[in-house]
Amino acid sequence: MHDLYYKGRIHTRENHVNKGYNIKRTAKLGTEELPLTLVVTTDERQTEVAAIVSDNNLFANISIDADGAENIIELDAILNKPQTTTFEKKPNRNDPCSCGSGKKYKKCCA
């Protein structure tokens, strides 16, 4: 197969392979190969965060910086993954009505 499509367009597969997203990542964030980088302000907060990390079977490098701001965004992102929203399926026209009347949906509640 040649490099160009119709009217000189660049071949999309080769373009994606050369410049696309890395969808085959080998290391996930929070593993031994790629630990979390967390910054806390006090020793007490370090022990709290270390307990949270160990409870969730994660690995992290926790450093203390009393002058700077606390940065545990990576940990929050892993613990609070967004949930997929699902909706109740609306009945089709010829399905029985959900109100319990025994009629078809199209003649009852539609």
N, C-alpha and C. Protein backbone atom coordinates (compact mmCIF):
# COMPACT_ATOMS: atom_id res chain seq x y z
N MET A 1 0.84 -1.18 0.00
CA MET A 1 0.00 0.00 0.00
C MET A 1 0.89 1.24 0.00
N HIS A 2 0.52 2.24 -0.71
CA HIS A 2 1.36 3.41 -0.83
C HIS A 2 1.06 4.44 0.25
N ASP A 3 1.88 5.49 0.33
CA ASP A 3 1.84 6.45 1.41
C ASP A 3 0.67 7.42 1.33
N LEU A 4 0.11 7.63 0.17
CA LEU A 4 -0.90 8.66 0.02
C LEU A 4 -2.25 8.07 -0.33
N TYR A 5 -3.28 8.68 0.20
CA TYR A 5 -4.64 8.35 -0.18
C TYR A 5 -5.04 9.23 -1.36
N TYR A 6 -6.27 9.20 -1.70
CA TYR A 6 -6.81 10.00 -2.78
C TYR A 6 -6.57 11.49 -2.52
N LYS A 7 -6.17 12.21 -3.50
CA LYS A 7 -5.90 13.65 -3.46
C LYS A 7 -4.80 14.03 -2.46
N GLY A 8 -3.82 13.16 -2.26
CA GLY A 8 -2.65 13.52 -1.50
C GLY A 8 -2.79 13.49 0.01
N ARG A 9 -3.81 12.85 0.54
CA ARG A 9 -3.94 12.76 2.00
C ARG A 9 -2.93 11.77 2.56
N ILE A 10 -2.38 12.09 3.70
CA ILE A 10 -1.39 11.23 4.32
C ILE A 10 -2.08 10.01 4.91
N HIS A 11 -1.44 8.87 4.83
CA HIS A 11 -1.99 7.62 5.33
C HIS A 11 -2.22 7.75 6.84
N THR A 12 -3.44 7.57 7.31
CA THR A 12 -3.78 7.83 8.71
C THR A 12 -3.13 6.84 9.66
N ARG A 13 -3.00 5.58 9.27
CA ARG A 13 -2.43 4.58 10.16
C ARG A 13 -0.98 4.93 10.49
N GLU A 14 -0.19 5.24 9.47
CA GLU A 14 1.21 5.58 9.71
C GLU A 14 1.31 6.88 10.50
N ASN A 15 0.43 7.81 10.22
CA ASN A 15 0.44 9.08 10.95
C ASN A 15 0.14 8.83 12.43
N HIS A 16 -0.82 7.95 12.73
CA HIS A 16 -1.16 7.66 14.12
C HIS A 16 -0.02 6.93 14.82
N VAL A 17 0.61 5.99 14.13
CA VAL A 17 1.68 5.23 14.75
C VAL A 17 2.87 6.14 15.06
N ASN A 18 3.17 7.07 14.19
CA ASN A 18 4.32 7.95 14.39
C ASN A 18 4.05 9.04 15.43
N LYS A 19 2.84 9.58 15.45
CA LYS A 19 2.59 10.76 16.28
C LYS A 19 1.41 10.62 17.23
N GLY A 20 0.81 9.45 17.34
CA GLY A 20 -0.41 9.30 18.10
C GLY A 20 -0.17 9.11 19.58
N TYR A 21 -1.26 8.78 20.29
CA TYR A 21 -1.20 8.55 21.72
C TYR A 21 -0.54 7.22 22.03
N ASN A 22 0.08 7.12 23.18
CA ASN A 22 0.68 5.87 23.63
C ASN A 22 -0.39 5.08 24.37
N ILE A 23 -1.07 4.19 23.66
CA ILE A 23 -2.16 3.44 24.28
C ILE A 23 -1.68 2.13 24.91
N LYS A 24 -0.42 1.78 24.70
CA LYS A 24 0.12 0.55 25.27
C LYS A 24 1.14 0.88 26.36
N ARG A 25 0.66 1.53 27.40
CA ARG A 25 1.55 1.89 28.50
C ARG A 25 1.92 0.64 29.28
N THR A 26 3.18 0.56 29.68
CA THR A 26 3.62 -0.62 30.42
C THR A 26 3.51 -0.41 31.92
N ALA A 27 3.66 0.81 32.41
CA ALA A 27 3.62 1.06 33.84
C ALA A 27 2.47 2.01 34.17
N LYS A 28 1.69 1.62 35.17
CA LYS A 28 0.60 2.48 35.64
C LYS A 28 1.09 3.31 36.81
N LEU A 29 0.46 4.45 36.99
CA LEU A 29 0.81 5.35 38.09
C LEU A 29 0.43 4.70 39.42
N GLY A 30 1.34 4.70 40.35
CA GLY A 30 1.10 4.12 41.67
C GLY A 30 1.69 2.73 41.84
N THR A 31 2.43 2.24 40.84
CA THR A 31 3.09 0.94 40.95
C THR A 31 4.55 1.15 41.35
N GLU A 32 5.27 0.05 41.52
CA GLU A 32 6.68 0.15 41.90
C GLU A 32 7.51 0.83 40.82
N GLU A 33 7.17 0.57 39.54
CA GLU A 33 7.92 1.17 38.44
C GLU A 33 7.67 2.67 38.33
N LEU A 34 6.44 3.12 38.65
CA LEU A 34 6.07 4.52 38.52
C LEU A 34 5.30 4.96 39.78
N PRO A 35 6.01 5.21 40.89
CA PRO A 35 5.32 5.58 42.13
C PRO A 35 4.73 6.99 42.07
N LEU A 36 3.75 7.22 42.94
CA LEU A 36 3.15 8.55 43.06
C LEU A 36 4.17 9.52 43.67
N THR A 37 4.11 10.78 43.27
CA THR A 37 4.96 11.82 43.85
C THR A 37 4.07 12.75 44.66
N LEU A 38 4.15 12.65 45.97
CA LEU A 38 3.28 13.41 46.87
C LEU A 38 4.11 14.34 47.74
N VAL A 39 3.57 15.53 48.01
CA VAL A 39 4.23 16.51 48.87
C VAL A 39 3.24 16.90 49.97
N VAL A 40 3.68 16.78 51.23
CA VAL A 40 2.85 17.16 52.38
C VAL A 40 3.62 18.19 53.21
N THR A 41 2.90 18.79 54.18
CA THR A 41 3.52 19.87 54.95
C THR A 41 4.01 19.45 56.33
N THR A 42 3.42 18.39 56.93
CA THR A 42 3.81 18.01 58.29
C THR A 42 4.07 16.50 58.37
N ASP A 43 4.72 16.10 59.47
CA ASP A 43 4.98 14.67 59.71
C ASP A 43 3.68 13.90 59.96
N GLU A 44 2.73 14.52 60.67
CA GLU A 44 1.46 13.86 60.95
C GLU A 44 0.70 13.57 59.67
N ARG A 45 0.71 14.56 58.77
CA ARG A 45 0.02 14.39 57.48
C ARG A 45 0.72 13.32 56.64
N GLN A 46 2.04 13.21 56.79
CA GLN A 46 2.77 12.18 56.05
C GLN A 46 2.35 10.78 56.50
N THR A 47 2.16 10.59 57.81
CA THR A 47 1.72 9.28 58.29
C THR A 47 0.30 8.97 57.84
N GLU A 48 -0.58 10.00 57.79
CA GLU A 48 -1.95 9.79 57.31
C GLU A 48 -1.96 9.38 55.84
N VAL A 49 -1.19 10.09 55.03
CA VAL A 49 -1.15 9.80 53.60
C VAL A 49 -0.49 8.44 53.36
N ALA A 50 0.54 8.11 54.13
CA ALA A 50 1.19 6.80 53.99
C ALA A 50 0.23 5.68 54.33
N ALA A 51 -0.64 5.88 55.31
CA ALA A 51 -1.65 4.87 55.66
C ALA A 51 -2.66 4.69 54.53
N ILE A 52 -3.08 5.79 53.92
CA ILE A 52 -4.03 5.72 52.80
C ILE A 52 -3.39 4.99 51.62
N VAL A 53 -2.13 5.29 51.34
CA VAL A 53 -1.43 4.66 50.23
C VAL A 53 -1.28 3.16 50.46
N SER A 54 -0.91 2.76 51.67
CA SER A 54 -0.72 1.34 51.94
C SER A 54 -2.06 0.58 51.96
N ASP A 55 -3.15 1.23 52.40
CA ASP A 55 -4.46 0.57 52.39
C ASP A 55 -4.93 0.25 50.98
N ASN A 56 -4.54 1.08 50.01
CA ASN A 56 -4.97 0.89 48.63
C ASN A 56 -3.94 0.16 47.78
N ASN A 57 -2.92 -0.43 48.42
CA ASN A 57 -1.87 -1.20 47.73
C ASN A 57 -1.19 -0.39 46.64
N LEU A 58 -0.83 0.85 46.96
CA LEU A 58 -0.14 1.73 46.02
C LEU A 58 1.28 1.99 46.51
N PHE A 59 2.09 2.57 45.66
CA PHE A 59 3.44 2.95 46.02
C PHE A 59 3.59 4.45 45.80
N ALA A 60 4.25 5.14 46.73
CA ALA A 60 4.38 6.59 46.62
C ALA A 60 5.68 7.06 47.25
N ASN A 61 6.21 8.14 46.70
CA ASN A 61 7.34 8.86 47.30
C ASN A 61 6.75 10.09 47.96
N ILE A 62 6.72 10.09 49.30
CA ILE A 62 6.11 11.19 50.05
C ILE A 62 7.23 12.06 50.62
N SER A 63 7.22 13.33 50.26
CA SER A 63 8.22 14.26 50.79
C SER A 63 7.53 15.33 51.61
N ILE A 64 8.29 15.89 52.56
CA ILE A 64 7.76 16.92 53.44
C ILE A 64 8.35 18.27 53.04
N ASP A 65 7.47 19.25 52.81
CA ASP A 65 7.89 20.61 52.47
C ASP A 65 7.05 21.55 53.33
N ALA A 66 7.61 22.03 54.43
CA ALA A 66 6.85 22.86 55.37
C ALA A 66 6.51 24.23 54.79
N ASP A 67 7.33 24.73 53.91
CA ASP A 67 7.09 26.07 53.35
C ASP A 67 6.13 26.05 52.16
N GLY A 68 6.12 24.96 51.41
CA GLY A 68 5.30 24.88 50.20
C GLY A 68 3.88 24.42 50.49
N ALA A 69 3.11 24.30 49.43
CA ALA A 69 1.73 23.84 49.54
C ALA A 69 1.67 22.32 49.40
N GLU A 70 0.62 21.75 49.98
CA GLU A 70 0.44 20.30 49.90
C GLU A 70 -0.01 19.92 48.49
N ASN A 71 0.56 18.83 47.96
CA ASN A 71 0.23 18.39 46.61
C ASN A 71 0.01 16.87 46.63
N ILE A 72 -1.27 16.46 46.74
CA ILE A 72 -1.61 15.04 46.67
C ILE A 72 -2.64 14.80 45.57
N ILE A 73 -2.52 15.55 44.48
CA ILE A 73 -3.48 15.47 43.38
C ILE A 73 -3.45 14.10 42.72
N GLU A 74 -2.26 13.51 42.56
CA GLU A 74 -2.16 12.20 41.93
C GLU A 74 -2.90 11.14 42.73
N LEU A 75 -2.79 11.19 44.06
CA LEU A 75 -3.48 10.24 44.92
C LEU A 75 -4.99 10.44 44.83
N ASP A 76 -5.45 11.69 44.84
CA ASP A 76 -6.89 11.97 44.72
C ASP A 76 -7.44 11.47 43.39
N ALA A 77 -6.67 11.62 42.32
CA ALA A 77 -7.13 11.18 41.00
C ALA A 77 -7.29 9.67 40.94
N ILE A 78 -6.40 8.92 41.59
CA ILE A 78 -6.51 7.46 41.56
C ILE A 78 -7.65 6.99 42.45
N LEU A 79 -7.83 7.61 43.61
CA LEU A 79 -8.86 7.16 44.55
C LEU A 79 -10.26 7.58 44.13
N ASN A 80 -10.42 8.70 43.44
CA ASN A 80 -11.74 9.22 43.08
C ASN A 80 -11.95 9.17 41.57
N LYS A 81 -11.92 7.96 41.01
CA LYS A 81 -12.16 7.82 39.58
C LYS A 81 -13.61 8.13 39.28
N PRO A 82 -13.87 8.83 38.19
CA PRO A 82 -15.26 9.15 37.86
C PRO A 82 -16.05 7.90 37.49
N GLN A 83 -17.30 7.86 37.90
CA GLN A 83 -18.17 6.73 37.62
C GLN A 83 -18.95 6.98 36.34
N THR A 84 -19.24 5.93 35.62
CA THR A 84 -20.04 6.03 34.40
C THR A 84 -21.49 6.22 34.78
N THR A 85 -22.14 7.20 34.16
CA THR A 85 -23.55 7.43 34.43
C THR A 85 -24.38 6.55 33.52
N THR A 86 -25.38 5.91 34.10
CA THR A 86 -26.28 5.07 33.33
C THR A 86 -27.70 5.58 33.50
N PHE A 87 -28.48 5.45 32.47
CA PHE A 87 -29.86 5.90 32.49
C PHE A 87 -30.78 4.72 32.31
N GLU A 88 -31.97 4.84 32.88
CA GLU A 88 -32.97 3.79 32.70
C GLU A 88 -33.44 3.79 31.27
N LYS A 89 -33.59 2.60 30.72
CA LYS A 89 -34.01 2.49 29.34
C LYS A 89 -35.49 2.84 29.22
N LYS A 90 -35.80 3.69 28.27
CA LYS A 90 -37.19 4.04 28.01
C LYS A 90 -37.84 2.88 27.27
N PRO A 91 -39.05 2.49 27.64
CA PRO A 91 -39.68 1.35 26.96
C PRO A 91 -40.01 1.68 25.51
N ASN A 92 -39.97 0.65 24.67
CA ASN A 92 -40.36 0.82 23.27
C ASN A 92 -41.88 0.97 23.19
N ARG A 93 -42.35 1.34 22.02
CA ARG A 93 -43.78 1.60 21.85
C ARG A 93 -44.63 0.37 22.12
N ASN A 94 -44.19 -0.81 21.70
CA ASN A 94 -45.02 -2.00 21.83
C ASN A 94 -44.74 -2.81 23.09
N ASP A 95 -43.87 -2.34 23.96
CA ASP A 95 -43.62 -3.02 25.23
C ASP A 95 -44.77 -2.74 26.19
N PRO A 96 -44.99 -3.63 27.16
CA PRO A 96 -46.03 -3.34 28.16
C PRO A 96 -45.66 -2.11 28.97
N CYS A 97 -46.65 -1.35 29.38
CA CYS A 97 -46.42 -0.11 30.11
C CYS A 97 -45.89 -0.41 31.51
N SER A 98 -45.00 0.46 31.99
CA SER A 98 -44.38 0.25 33.30
C SER A 98 -45.29 0.64 34.46
N CYS A 99 -46.44 1.27 34.17
CA CYS A 99 -47.33 1.68 35.25
C CYS A 99 -48.17 0.51 35.77
N GLY A 100 -48.19 -0.60 35.02
CA GLY A 100 -48.91 -1.78 35.49
C GLY A 100 -50.33 -1.88 34.98
N SER A 101 -50.70 -1.09 33.98
CA SER A 101 -52.07 -1.12 33.48
C SER A 101 -52.33 -2.31 32.56
N GLY A 102 -51.28 -2.91 32.01
CA GLY A 102 -51.44 -4.03 31.11
C GLY A 102 -51.55 -3.61 29.66
N LYS A 103 -51.66 -2.32 29.39
CA LYS A 103 -51.75 -1.83 28.02
C LYS A 103 -50.35 -1.67 27.44
N LYS A 104 -50.30 -1.47 26.13
CA LYS A 104 -49.04 -1.15 25.49
C LYS A 104 -48.63 0.26 25.89
N TYR A 105 -47.33 0.50 25.89
CA TYR A 105 -46.80 1.81 26.28
C TYR A 105 -47.33 2.91 25.39
N LYS A 106 -47.48 2.63 24.09
CA LYS A 106 -47.89 3.67 23.15
C LYS A 106 -49.34 4.11 23.37
N LYS A 107 -50.17 3.25 24.00
CA LYS A 107 -51.57 3.61 24.21
C LYS A 107 -51.84 4.05 25.65
N CYS A 108 -50.82 3.94 26.51
CA CYS A 108 -51.04 4.27 27.92
C CYS A 108 -50.31 5.56 28.32
N CYS A 109 -49.03 5.49 28.48
CA CYS A 109 -48.26 6.61 29.04
C CYS A 109 -47.43 7.37 28.01
N ALA A 110 -47.48 7.00 26.76
CA ALA A 110 -46.64 7.69 25.75
C ALA A 110 -47.16 9.01 25.44
